[in-house]
N, C-alpha and C. Protein backbone atom coordinates (compact mmCIF):
# COMPACT_ATOMS: atom_id res chain seq x y z
N MET A 1 8.41 34.69 2.84
CA MET A 1 7.80 36.31 2.48
C MET A 1 8.20 36.14 0.95
N ILE A 2 8.98 35.94 0.19
CA ILE A 2 8.36 36.24 -0.69
C ILE A 2 7.18 35.30 -2.08
N ASN A 3 7.28 33.85 -1.65
CA ASN A 3 6.05 33.35 -1.97
C ASN A 3 5.03 34.23 -1.56
N ARG A 4 4.27 34.71 -0.23
CA ARG A 4 3.40 35.39 0.20
C ARG A 4 2.69 36.25 -0.78
N ALA A 5 3.73 37.05 -1.18
CA ALA A 5 3.27 38.30 -1.70
C ALA A 5 3.17 38.09 -3.13
N ILE A 6 4.06 37.03 -3.84
CA ILE A 6 3.24 36.26 -5.08
C ILE A 6 1.56 36.17 -4.72
N GLU A 7 1.62 35.44 -3.98
CA GLU A 7 0.25 34.76 -3.39
C GLU A 7 -0.74 36.09 -3.38
N LEU A 8 -0.49 36.85 -2.57
CA LEU A 8 -1.64 38.34 -3.13
C LEU A 8 -0.97 39.13 -4.05
N GLY A 9 -0.69 38.79 -4.36
CA GLY A 9 -0.20 39.85 -5.98
C GLY A 9 0.96 40.90 -5.84
N TYR A 10 0.91 41.03 -7.27
CA TYR A 10 2.59 42.37 -6.49
C TYR A 10 2.75 43.25 -7.72
N GLY A 11 3.06 43.76 -7.73
CA GLY A 11 4.01 44.42 -9.55
C GLY A 11 5.50 45.51 -8.54
N THR A 12 5.77 45.93 -10.01
CA THR A 12 6.77 46.40 -9.56
C THR A 12 6.90 47.99 -10.42
N VAL A 13 7.40 48.59 -8.95
CA VAL A 13 7.46 50.11 -9.69
C VAL A 13 8.77 50.98 -9.48
N THR A 14 8.85 51.79 -10.36
CA THR A 14 10.25 52.09 -10.99
C THR A 14 10.75 53.15 -10.18
N LYS A 15 12.16 53.90 -10.29
CA LYS A 15 12.35 54.84 -9.69
C LYS A 15 11.95 55.85 -10.45
N GLU A 16 11.70 55.54 -11.33
CA GLU A 16 11.98 57.35 -12.61
C GLU A 16 10.40 57.69 -12.19
N ILE A 17 8.96 56.79 -11.78
CA ILE A 17 8.29 57.59 -11.15
C ILE A 17 7.67 57.86 -9.57
N MET A 18 8.52 57.34 -9.03
CA MET A 18 8.89 57.81 -7.68
C MET A 18 9.57 59.43 -7.72
N GLN A 19 10.62 58.87 -8.54
CA GLN A 19 11.76 60.40 -8.50
C GLN A 19 10.70 61.94 -9.31
N ASP A 20 9.91 61.69 -9.82
CA ASP A 20 9.28 62.52 -10.80
C ASP A 20 8.68 63.54 -9.81
N LYS A 21 9.17 64.62 -10.11
CA LYS A 21 8.59 65.68 -9.11
C LYS A 21 7.44 66.52 -9.98
N GLY A 22 6.66 65.55 -11.12
CA GLY A 22 5.55 66.54 -11.56
C GLY A 22 4.61 65.75 -10.88
N LEU A 23 4.45 64.99 -10.33
CA LEU A 23 3.61 63.69 -9.79
C LEU A 23 3.24 64.52 -8.67
N THR A 24 2.44 64.12 -7.86
CA THR A 24 2.15 63.92 -6.82
C THR A 24 1.75 62.78 -6.23
N ILE A 25 1.72 62.83 -4.71
CA ILE A 25 2.06 61.64 -3.92
C ILE A 25 0.68 60.35 -4.01
N GLU A 26 -0.74 61.02 -4.62
CA GLU A 26 -1.89 60.13 -5.19
C GLU A 26 -1.52 60.09 -6.07
N SER A 27 -0.79 60.59 -6.83
CA SER A 27 -0.90 60.11 -8.19
C SER A 27 0.48 58.40 -8.53
N LYS A 28 1.31 58.62 -7.59
CA LYS A 28 2.22 58.23 -7.35
C LYS A 28 1.41 56.47 -6.61
N ALA A 29 0.83 57.12 -5.77
CA ALA A 29 -0.08 55.73 -4.99
C ALA A 29 -1.40 55.22 -6.12
N ILE A 30 -1.61 55.68 -6.82
CA ILE A 30 -2.68 55.13 -7.83
C ILE A 30 -2.01 54.11 -9.19
N TYR A 31 -0.61 54.75 -9.81
CA TYR A 31 0.32 54.07 -10.05
C TYR A 31 0.34 52.63 -9.59
N ALA A 32 0.96 53.14 -8.53
CA ALA A 32 1.85 51.57 -8.11
C ALA A 32 0.73 50.49 -7.32
N TYR A 33 -0.69 51.26 -7.12
CA TYR A 33 -1.96 50.68 -7.43
C TYR A 33 -2.41 49.87 -8.53
N LEU A 34 -2.07 50.32 -9.51
CA LEU A 34 -2.64 49.67 -10.60
C LEU A 34 -1.29 48.56 -11.00
N CYS A 35 -0.76 48.80 -11.12
CA CYS A 35 0.96 47.80 -10.79
C CYS A 35 0.50 46.96 -10.02
N SER A 36 0.05 46.69 -9.02
CA SER A 36 -0.33 45.35 -8.20
C SER A 36 -0.60 44.74 -9.13
N PHE A 37 -1.67 45.28 -9.85
CA PHE A 37 -2.94 44.65 -10.54
C PHE A 37 -2.70 44.64 -11.67
N ALA A 38 -1.18 44.44 -11.82
CA ALA A 38 -0.74 43.81 -13.33
C ALA A 38 -0.04 42.63 -12.94
N GLY A 39 0.75 43.17 -11.95
CA GLY A 39 1.49 41.63 -11.05
C GLY A 39 2.10 41.42 -12.41
N GLY A 40 3.51 42.29 -12.96
CA GLY A 40 4.59 42.05 -13.95
C GLY A 40 4.30 42.01 -15.20
N LYS A 41 2.97 42.67 -15.60
CA LYS A 41 2.36 42.53 -16.52
C LYS A 41 2.21 44.22 -16.96
N ASP A 42 1.75 44.39 -18.01
CA ASP A 42 1.50 46.05 -18.54
C ASP A 42 0.24 46.27 -18.61
N GLU A 43 -0.66 45.57 -17.96
CA GLU A 43 -1.92 45.82 -18.19
C GLU A 43 -3.06 45.33 -17.26
N ALA A 44 -3.93 46.51 -16.43
CA ALA A 44 -4.52 46.13 -15.16
C ALA A 44 -6.01 47.01 -15.24
N TYR A 45 -6.96 46.07 -14.77
CA TYR A 45 -8.49 46.38 -15.00
C TYR A 45 -9.10 46.71 -14.03
N PRO A 46 -8.99 46.82 -12.65
CA PRO A 46 -9.98 47.31 -11.73
C PRO A 46 -11.22 48.30 -11.94
N SER A 47 -12.01 48.35 -11.04
CA SER A 47 -13.00 49.16 -11.54
C SER A 47 -12.42 50.48 -10.37
N ILE A 48 -13.35 51.81 -11.00
CA ILE A 48 -13.45 53.05 -10.49
C ILE A 48 -13.40 52.97 -9.39
N SER A 49 -14.62 51.97 -8.74
CA SER A 49 -15.37 52.21 -7.67
C SER A 49 -14.32 51.73 -6.97
N LYS A 50 -13.58 50.45 -7.13
CA LYS A 50 -13.17 49.32 -6.72
C LYS A 50 -11.49 49.88 -6.11
N MET A 51 -10.94 51.32 -7.29
CA MET A 51 -9.83 51.83 -6.36
C MET A 51 -10.27 52.98 -6.11
N CYS A 52 -11.33 53.34 -5.69
CA CYS A 52 -12.16 54.17 -4.75
C CYS A 52 -12.20 53.76 -3.64
N TYR A 53 -12.74 52.92 -3.08
CA TYR A 53 -12.55 52.43 -2.37
C TYR A 53 -11.27 51.45 -1.50
N ASP A 54 -10.82 51.03 -1.99
CA ASP A 54 -9.00 50.77 -1.97
C ASP A 54 -8.25 51.50 -1.25
N LEU A 55 -8.46 52.79 -2.03
CA LEU A 55 -7.63 54.00 -1.84
C LEU A 55 -8.36 54.89 -1.00
N GLN A 56 -9.41 55.19 -0.89
CA GLN A 56 -10.48 55.48 -0.30
C GLN A 56 -10.32 56.88 -0.34
N ILE A 57 -10.62 57.05 -1.67
CA ILE A 57 -10.61 58.41 -2.26
C ILE A 57 -11.81 58.60 -2.71
N THR A 58 -12.04 60.10 -3.25
CA THR A 58 -13.30 60.03 -4.13
C THR A 58 -13.19 60.45 -5.37
N ASP A 59 -13.78 59.52 -6.41
CA ASP A 59 -14.16 59.38 -7.79
C ASP A 59 -12.87 61.04 -8.29
N GLN A 60 -13.59 61.99 -8.69
CA GLN A 60 -13.43 63.32 -8.68
C GLN A 60 -11.53 62.61 -8.42
N ARG A 61 -11.02 62.93 -7.31
CA ARG A 61 -9.68 63.19 -6.57
C ARG A 61 -9.35 61.78 -7.50
N LEU A 62 -9.47 60.97 -7.62
CA LEU A 62 -9.26 59.86 -8.65
C LEU A 62 -8.50 60.12 -10.11
N ARG A 63 -9.28 60.55 -10.76
CA ARG A 63 -9.22 60.96 -12.05
C ARG A 63 -8.83 61.99 -11.87
N LYS A 64 -8.84 63.12 -10.82
CA LYS A 64 -7.67 64.35 -10.93
C LYS A 64 -6.42 63.72 -11.22
N HIS A 65 -5.68 62.70 -10.14
CA HIS A 65 -4.54 62.20 -10.50
C HIS A 65 -4.11 61.25 -11.24
N MET A 66 -4.72 61.06 -11.94
CA MET A 66 -4.85 59.61 -12.55
C MET A 66 -4.43 60.75 -14.04
N LYS A 67 -5.24 61.43 -14.17
CA LYS A 67 -4.58 62.61 -15.54
C LYS A 67 -3.08 63.01 -15.31
N LEU A 68 -2.45 63.09 -14.42
CA LEU A 68 -1.52 63.75 -14.66
C LEU A 68 -0.34 62.51 -14.41
N LEU A 69 -1.17 61.31 -14.61
CA LEU A 69 -0.48 59.83 -14.46
C LEU A 69 -0.30 60.21 -16.53
N ILE A 70 -1.45 60.09 -16.83
CA ILE A 70 -2.27 60.15 -18.19
C ILE A 70 -0.97 61.17 -18.98
N ASP A 71 -1.10 62.08 -18.64
CA ASP A 71 -0.61 63.65 -19.23
C ASP A 71 1.20 63.50 -18.98
N SER A 72 1.77 62.31 -18.34
CA SER A 72 3.44 62.69 -18.09
C SER A 72 3.96 61.21 -19.00
N GLY A 73 2.53 60.18 -19.19
CA GLY A 73 2.99 59.24 -20.27
C GLY A 73 3.22 58.16 -19.27
N TYR A 74 2.81 57.80 -18.94
CA TYR A 74 2.90 56.77 -17.71
C TYR A 74 1.66 55.35 -18.10
N ILE A 75 0.76 55.90 -18.05
CA ILE A 75 -0.58 55.20 -17.88
C ILE A 75 -1.40 55.53 -19.66
N GLU A 76 -2.25 54.75 -20.12
CA GLU A 76 -3.31 55.08 -21.16
C GLU A 76 -4.09 54.21 -20.71
N ILE A 77 -5.51 54.47 -20.95
CA ILE A 77 -6.57 54.48 -20.42
C ILE A 77 -7.65 53.68 -21.91
N GLU A 78 -8.18 52.38 -22.39
CA GLU A 78 -8.96 51.81 -23.51
C GLU A 78 -9.73 51.40 -22.42
N LYS A 79 -11.19 52.14 -23.67
CA LYS A 79 -12.24 52.00 -23.07
C LYS A 79 -12.88 51.19 -23.74
N TYR A 80 -13.65 50.12 -23.21
CA TYR A 80 -14.26 49.05 -23.77
C TYR A 80 -15.80 48.81 -23.29
N ARG A 81 -16.68 48.68 -24.56
CA ARG A 81 -17.87 48.39 -24.60
C ARG A 81 -18.57 47.06 -24.68
N TYR A 82 -19.60 46.73 -24.14
CA TYR A 82 -20.16 45.20 -23.96
C TYR A 82 -20.38 45.14 -25.13
N ALA A 83 -20.72 43.73 -25.62
CA ALA A 83 -21.03 43.82 -27.06
C ALA A 83 -22.56 43.80 -26.79
N LYS A 84 -23.04 44.57 -28.49
CA LYS A 84 -24.55 45.21 -28.09
C LYS A 84 -25.16 45.80 -27.83
N SER A 85 -24.13 46.28 -26.91
CA SER A 85 -24.40 47.69 -25.76
C SER A 85 -24.11 49.36 -26.32
N GLN A 86 -24.53 49.86 -24.93
CA GLN A 86 -23.48 50.97 -26.03
C GLN A 86 -23.12 51.99 -24.59
N ARG A 87 -23.27 50.31 -23.46
CA ARG A 87 -22.39 51.01 -21.80
C ARG A 87 -21.16 50.51 -22.14
N PHE A 88 -20.14 51.27 -21.63
CA PHE A 88 -19.00 50.97 -21.16
C PHE A 88 -18.66 50.06 -20.40
N ALA A 89 -17.93 48.46 -20.19
CA ALA A 89 -17.11 47.72 -19.12
C ALA A 89 -16.22 48.54 -18.37
N ASN A 90 -15.22 48.00 -17.99
CA ASN A 90 -14.78 48.42 -17.30
C ASN A 90 -13.74 49.07 -17.74
N ASN A 91 -12.71 50.13 -17.79
CA ASN A 91 -11.65 50.18 -18.20
C ASN A 91 -10.55 49.32 -18.19
N HIS A 92 -9.50 49.25 -19.62
CA HIS A 92 -8.50 49.08 -18.91
C HIS A 92 -7.25 49.84 -19.19
N TYR A 93 -6.32 49.61 -18.46
CA TYR A 93 -5.06 50.78 -17.79
C TYR A 93 -3.66 49.78 -18.26
N ILE A 94 -3.49 50.39 -19.22
CA ILE A 94 -1.83 50.33 -19.96
C ILE A 94 -0.86 50.81 -19.54
N ILE A 95 0.35 50.43 -18.52
CA ILE A 95 1.26 50.93 -18.04
C ILE A 95 1.98 50.94 -18.99
N LEU A 96 2.66 51.75 -19.28
CA LEU A 96 3.40 52.06 -20.60
C LEU A 96 5.20 52.22 -19.71
N LYS A 97 5.21 52.83 -18.99
CA LYS A 97 6.39 52.83 -17.74
C LYS A 97 6.64 51.75 -17.17
């Protein structure tokens, strides 16, 4: 069973975030989702549209609950631009805790 989880991707979520009363269930789900994409590392970069689709939430709802994670110091967002363009590429989500 463990090998199957490794094949599909995995992430580790600490008790600290799950016990944080200042976070909503949605922000905890977003954090767990990002951790699953990070796979034990501290960086993930799924697109906003992919997260919304997979978590079945709106863009506005995602941003609202992600703000809690940022304000609480759990994640940080780095925005990258395409080379020679003013357009942004996917965000990079840095998992801080």
